[in-house]
Amino acid sequence: MKKMLIMCGAGHATSTIVHAKVDDWLEKNGFKNEVEIKQSAVSQEVDNIQNDAYDIVISTTIVPDEIKNKVINGVALLTGVGTDQVWSQVKATLES
């Protein structure tokens, strides 16, 4: 089971929207039973991300430089522009 974190500034508003979209995508692509999702605020998760507690991290907010390479920018899932790239990154990680 892969562990996914969806985060935003406070862990409530935009991460909730993205969480719903991710759930739908996982269901449609046959990954629903392969992923455990946590939703949180970026400030609460920096150490966990640095320690590789999650296989996939999607953020809708700016993240500290030290974790940028471990985070997928999820703003596209809010705007609808560039979603294919986000889903490609998620799929590649799930299949690895």
N, C-alpha and C. Protein backbone atom coordinates (compact mmCIF):
# COMPACT_ATOMS: atom_id res chain seq x y z
N MET A 1 0.86 -1.18 0.00
CA MET A 1 0.00 0.00 0.00
C MET A 1 0.90 1.24 0.00
N LYS A 2 0.65 2.11 -0.98
CA LYS A 2 1.39 3.38 -1.07
C LYS A 2 0.74 4.39 -0.14
N LYS A 3 1.56 5.28 0.40
CA LYS A 3 1.07 6.34 1.27
C LYS A 3 1.16 7.67 0.53
N MET A 4 0.02 8.35 0.47
CA MET A 4 -0.06 9.64 -0.21
C MET A 4 -0.45 10.73 0.78
N LEU A 5 0.19 11.88 0.63
CA LEU A 5 -0.15 13.06 1.41
C LEU A 5 -0.66 14.12 0.46
N ILE A 6 -1.80 14.70 0.78
CA ILE A 6 -2.32 15.85 0.04
C ILE A 6 -2.32 17.01 1.02
N MET A 7 -1.62 18.08 0.67
CA MET A 7 -1.50 19.17 1.63
C MET A 7 -1.70 20.53 0.99
N CYS A 8 -2.12 21.45 1.85
CA CYS A 8 -2.25 22.86 1.47
C CYS A 8 -1.76 23.68 2.65
N GLY A 9 -2.01 24.96 2.62
CA GLY A 9 -1.52 25.83 3.68
C GLY A 9 -2.03 25.48 5.06
N ALA A 10 -3.33 25.23 5.19
CA ALA A 10 -3.93 24.92 6.49
C ALA A 10 -4.40 23.47 6.61
N GLY A 11 -4.43 22.75 5.50
CA GLY A 11 -4.86 21.36 5.54
C GLY A 11 -6.35 21.16 5.44
N HIS A 12 -7.07 22.21 5.00
CA HIS A 12 -8.53 22.11 4.96
C HIS A 12 -9.11 22.37 3.58
N ALA A 13 -8.99 23.57 3.08
CA ALA A 13 -9.77 24.01 1.91
C ALA A 13 -9.31 23.37 0.60
N THR A 14 -8.20 23.85 0.04
CA THR A 14 -7.82 23.34 -1.28
C THR A 14 -7.41 21.88 -1.24
N SER A 15 -6.84 21.42 -0.15
CA SER A 15 -6.48 20.00 -0.08
C SER A 15 -7.72 19.11 -0.08
N THR A 16 -8.84 19.61 0.43
CA THR A 16 -10.09 18.85 0.39
C THR A 16 -10.59 18.70 -1.05
N ILE A 17 -10.48 19.76 -1.82
CA ILE A 17 -10.88 19.70 -3.22
C ILE A 17 -10.00 18.72 -3.99
N VAL A 18 -8.70 18.83 -3.78
CA VAL A 18 -7.76 17.93 -4.47
C VAL A 18 -7.97 16.49 -4.01
N HIS A 19 -8.22 16.29 -2.73
CA HIS A 19 -8.46 14.94 -2.21
C HIS A 19 -9.62 14.28 -2.96
N ALA A 20 -10.69 15.00 -3.17
CA ALA A 20 -11.85 14.47 -3.89
C ALA A 20 -11.48 14.11 -5.33
N LYS A 21 -10.71 14.96 -5.99
CA LYS A 21 -10.30 14.70 -7.36
C LYS A 21 -9.36 13.50 -7.44
N VAL A 22 -8.47 13.38 -6.48
CA VAL A 22 -7.55 12.24 -6.43
C VAL A 22 -8.34 10.95 -6.20
N ASP A 23 -9.29 10.98 -5.27
CA ASP A 23 -10.13 9.80 -5.03
C ASP A 23 -10.81 9.35 -6.32
N ASP A 24 -11.39 10.28 -7.05
CA ASP A 24 -12.07 9.96 -8.31
C ASP A 24 -11.09 9.35 -9.32
N TRP A 25 -9.92 9.96 -9.43
CA TRP A 25 -8.91 9.47 -10.38
C TRP A 25 -8.43 8.08 -10.00
N LEU A 26 -8.17 7.86 -8.72
CA LEU A 26 -7.73 6.54 -8.26
C LEU A 26 -8.77 5.48 -8.58
N GLU A 27 -10.03 5.80 -8.35
CA GLU A 27 -11.13 4.87 -8.64
C GLU A 27 -11.20 4.55 -10.13
N LYS A 28 -11.14 5.57 -10.97
CA LYS A 28 -11.26 5.38 -12.42
C LYS A 28 -10.07 4.63 -13.02
N ASN A 29 -8.92 4.70 -12.35
CA ASN A 29 -7.70 4.10 -12.89
C ASN A 29 -7.29 2.82 -12.17
N GLY A 30 -8.15 2.31 -11.29
CA GLY A 30 -7.90 1.03 -10.66
C GLY A 30 -6.87 1.02 -9.54
N PHE A 31 -6.60 2.18 -8.95
CA PHE A 31 -5.62 2.26 -7.88
C PHE A 31 -6.24 2.49 -6.50
N LYS A 32 -7.56 2.55 -6.42
CA LYS A 32 -8.26 2.92 -5.19
C LYS A 32 -7.82 2.11 -3.97
N ASN A 33 -7.65 0.82 -4.13
CA ASN A 33 -7.29 -0.05 -3.00
C ASN A 33 -5.79 -0.15 -2.77
N GLU A 34 -5.01 0.63 -3.50
CA GLU A 34 -3.56 0.58 -3.39
C GLU A 34 -2.96 1.80 -2.70
N VAL A 35 -3.83 2.77 -2.33
CA VAL A 35 -3.32 4.03 -1.79
C VAL A 35 -4.05 4.42 -0.51
N GLU A 36 -3.27 4.77 0.49
CA GLU A 36 -3.80 5.33 1.74
C GLU A 36 -3.51 6.83 1.70
N ILE A 37 -4.54 7.65 1.86
CA ILE A 37 -4.39 9.10 1.73
C ILE A 37 -4.53 9.80 3.07
N LYS A 38 -3.60 10.73 3.31
CA LYS A 38 -3.68 11.61 4.48
C LYS A 38 -3.75 13.04 3.94
N GLN A 39 -4.50 13.86 4.62
CA GLN A 39 -4.65 15.28 4.26
C GLN A 39 -4.13 16.10 5.43
N SER A 40 -3.31 17.13 5.13
CA SER A 40 -2.71 17.89 6.22
C SER A 40 -2.22 19.25 5.72
N ALA A 41 -1.61 20.00 6.64
CA ALA A 41 -0.99 21.29 6.33
C ALA A 41 0.50 21.10 6.10
N VAL A 42 1.05 21.88 5.20
CA VAL A 42 2.47 21.76 4.88
C VAL A 42 3.35 21.93 6.12
N SER A 43 3.01 22.86 6.99
CA SER A 43 3.83 23.12 8.18
C SER A 43 3.90 21.92 9.12
N GLN A 44 2.90 21.07 9.09
CA GLN A 44 2.88 19.89 9.97
C GLN A 44 3.60 18.70 9.37
N GLU A 45 3.96 18.76 8.11
CA GLU A 45 4.47 17.58 7.42
C GLU A 45 5.90 17.66 6.89
N VAL A 46 6.56 18.80 7.02
CA VAL A 46 7.90 18.96 6.45
C VAL A 46 8.84 17.85 6.92
N ASP A 47 8.90 17.59 8.21
CA ASP A 47 9.80 16.55 8.72
C ASP A 47 9.44 15.17 8.18
N ASN A 48 8.15 14.86 8.13
CA ASN A 48 7.72 13.56 7.62
C ASN A 48 8.10 13.39 6.15
N ILE A 49 7.99 14.45 5.37
CA ILE A 49 8.35 14.38 3.95
C ILE A 49 9.86 14.19 3.82
N GLN A 50 10.62 14.92 4.61
CA GLN A 50 12.07 14.77 4.56
C GLN A 50 12.50 13.35 4.95
N ASN A 51 11.75 12.70 5.81
CA ASN A 51 12.07 11.35 6.27
C ASN A 51 11.39 10.27 5.42
N ASP A 52 10.86 10.67 4.26
CA ASP A 52 10.25 9.73 3.31
C ASP A 52 9.10 8.93 3.90
N ALA A 53 8.26 9.57 4.71
CA ALA A 53 7.10 8.91 5.30
C ALA A 53 6.00 8.65 4.26
N TYR A 54 6.08 9.34 3.12
CA TYR A 54 5.05 9.22 2.08
C TYR A 54 5.69 8.84 0.75
N ASP A 55 4.95 8.05 -0.03
CA ASP A 55 5.41 7.69 -1.37
C ASP A 55 5.09 8.79 -2.37
N ILE A 56 3.96 9.48 -2.15
CA ILE A 56 3.50 10.54 -3.04
C ILE A 56 3.03 11.71 -2.19
N VAL A 57 3.49 12.90 -2.55
CA VAL A 57 3.05 14.12 -1.87
C VAL A 57 2.56 15.10 -2.93
N ILE A 58 1.32 15.55 -2.77
CA ILE A 58 0.74 16.55 -3.66
C ILE A 58 0.44 17.79 -2.82
N SER A 59 0.91 18.94 -3.28
CA SER A 59 0.70 20.18 -2.53
C SER A 59 0.06 21.24 -3.41
N THR A 60 -0.83 22.02 -2.82
CA THR A 60 -1.44 23.15 -3.51
C THR A 60 -0.88 24.48 -3.02
N THR A 61 0.20 24.41 -2.27
CA THR A 61 0.81 25.62 -1.74
C THR A 61 2.32 25.54 -1.92
N ILE A 62 2.99 26.64 -1.68
CA ILE A 62 4.44 26.70 -1.76
C ILE A 62 5.03 25.82 -0.66
N VAL A 63 6.07 25.07 -1.01
CA VAL A 63 6.74 24.22 -0.03
C VAL A 63 8.18 24.67 0.15
N PRO A 64 8.78 24.38 1.30
CA PRO A 64 10.18 24.75 1.52
C PRO A 64 11.10 24.12 0.49
N ASP A 65 12.19 24.79 0.17
CA ASP A 65 13.13 24.31 -0.84
C ASP A 65 13.64 22.91 -0.55
N GLU A 66 13.82 22.58 0.71
CA GLU A 66 14.42 21.28 1.04
C GLU A 66 13.52 20.08 0.73
N ILE A 67 12.25 20.32 0.42
CA ILE A 67 11.37 19.19 0.07
C ILE A 67 10.78 19.32 -1.33
N LYS A 68 11.13 20.36 -2.07
CA LYS A 68 10.54 20.60 -3.39
C LYS A 68 10.68 19.40 -4.32
N ASN A 69 11.81 18.72 -4.29
CA ASN A 69 12.03 17.59 -5.19
C ASN A 69 11.20 16.37 -4.84
N LYS A 70 10.53 16.37 -3.70
CA LYS A 70 9.71 15.23 -3.26
C LYS A 70 8.21 15.52 -3.37
N VAL A 71 7.86 16.67 -3.93
CA VAL A 71 6.46 17.12 -3.93
C VAL A 71 5.97 17.39 -5.35
N ILE A 72 4.78 16.89 -5.65
CA ILE A 72 4.11 17.18 -6.91
C ILE A 72 3.25 18.44 -6.71
N ASN A 73 3.42 19.40 -7.59
CA ASN A 73 2.63 20.63 -7.52
C ASN A 73 1.21 20.31 -7.98
N GLY A 74 0.25 20.41 -7.07
CA GLY A 74 -1.12 20.04 -7.36
C GLY A 74 -2.03 21.19 -7.76
N VAL A 75 -1.49 22.37 -8.00
CA VAL A 75 -2.31 23.52 -8.37
C VAL A 75 -3.09 23.23 -9.66
N ALA A 76 -2.51 22.45 -10.55
CA ALA A 76 -3.19 22.11 -11.80
C ALA A 76 -4.51 21.40 -11.55
N LEU A 77 -4.59 20.67 -10.46
CA LEU A 77 -5.84 19.96 -10.13
C LEU A 77 -6.92 20.93 -9.68
N LEU A 78 -6.53 22.13 -9.30
CA LEU A 78 -7.50 23.17 -8.95
C LEU A 78 -7.91 23.99 -10.16
N THR A 79 -6.93 24.26 -11.02
CA THR A 79 -7.19 25.14 -12.17
C THR A 79 -7.68 24.39 -13.40
N GLY A 80 -7.34 23.11 -13.49
CA GLY A 80 -7.69 22.33 -14.66
C GLY A 80 -6.68 22.44 -15.79
N VAL A 81 -5.65 23.25 -15.61
CA VAL A 81 -4.61 23.44 -16.62
C VAL A 81 -3.38 22.63 -16.23
N GLY A 82 -3.03 21.65 -17.04
CA GLY A 82 -1.85 20.83 -16.77
C GLY A 82 -2.12 19.60 -15.92
N THR A 83 -3.37 19.19 -15.84
CA THR A 83 -3.70 18.04 -15.00
C THR A 83 -3.07 16.74 -15.51
N ASP A 84 -2.93 16.61 -16.83
CA ASP A 84 -2.33 15.38 -17.38
C ASP A 84 -0.94 15.14 -16.83
N GLN A 85 -0.17 16.21 -16.67
CA GLN A 85 1.19 16.07 -16.14
C GLN A 85 1.16 15.59 -14.69
N VAL A 86 0.25 16.12 -13.90
CA VAL A 86 0.12 15.70 -12.49
C VAL A 86 -0.26 14.22 -12.43
N TRP A 87 -1.27 13.84 -13.22
CA TRP A 87 -1.70 12.43 -13.19
C TRP A 87 -0.60 11.51 -13.68
N SER A 88 0.20 11.96 -14.65
CA SER A 88 1.33 11.14 -15.12
C SER A 88 2.35 10.91 -14.02
N GLN A 89 2.61 11.95 -13.24
CA GLN A 89 3.56 11.82 -12.13
C GLN A 89 3.01 10.88 -11.06
N VAL A 90 1.73 11.00 -10.74
CA VAL A 90 1.11 10.14 -9.74
C VAL A 90 1.14 8.70 -10.22
N LYS A 91 0.75 8.48 -11.46
CA LYS A 91 0.73 7.11 -12.01
C LYS A 91 2.12 6.48 -12.03
N ALA A 92 3.11 7.23 -12.43
CA ALA A 92 4.48 6.72 -12.47
C ALA A 92 4.93 6.29 -11.07
N THR A 93 4.60 7.07 -10.08
CA THR A 93 4.98 6.73 -8.71
C THR A 93 4.23 5.50 -8.22
N LEU A 94 2.94 5.40 -8.54
CA LEU A 94 2.16 4.25 -8.11
C LEU A 94 2.64 2.96 -8.77
N GLU A 95 3.12 3.06 -9.98
CA GLU A 95 3.56 1.87 -10.71
C GLU A 95 5.01 1.51 -10.43
N SER A 96 5.73 2.33 -9.70
CA SER A 96 7.15 2.05 -9.42
C SER A 96 7.32 1.10 -8.26
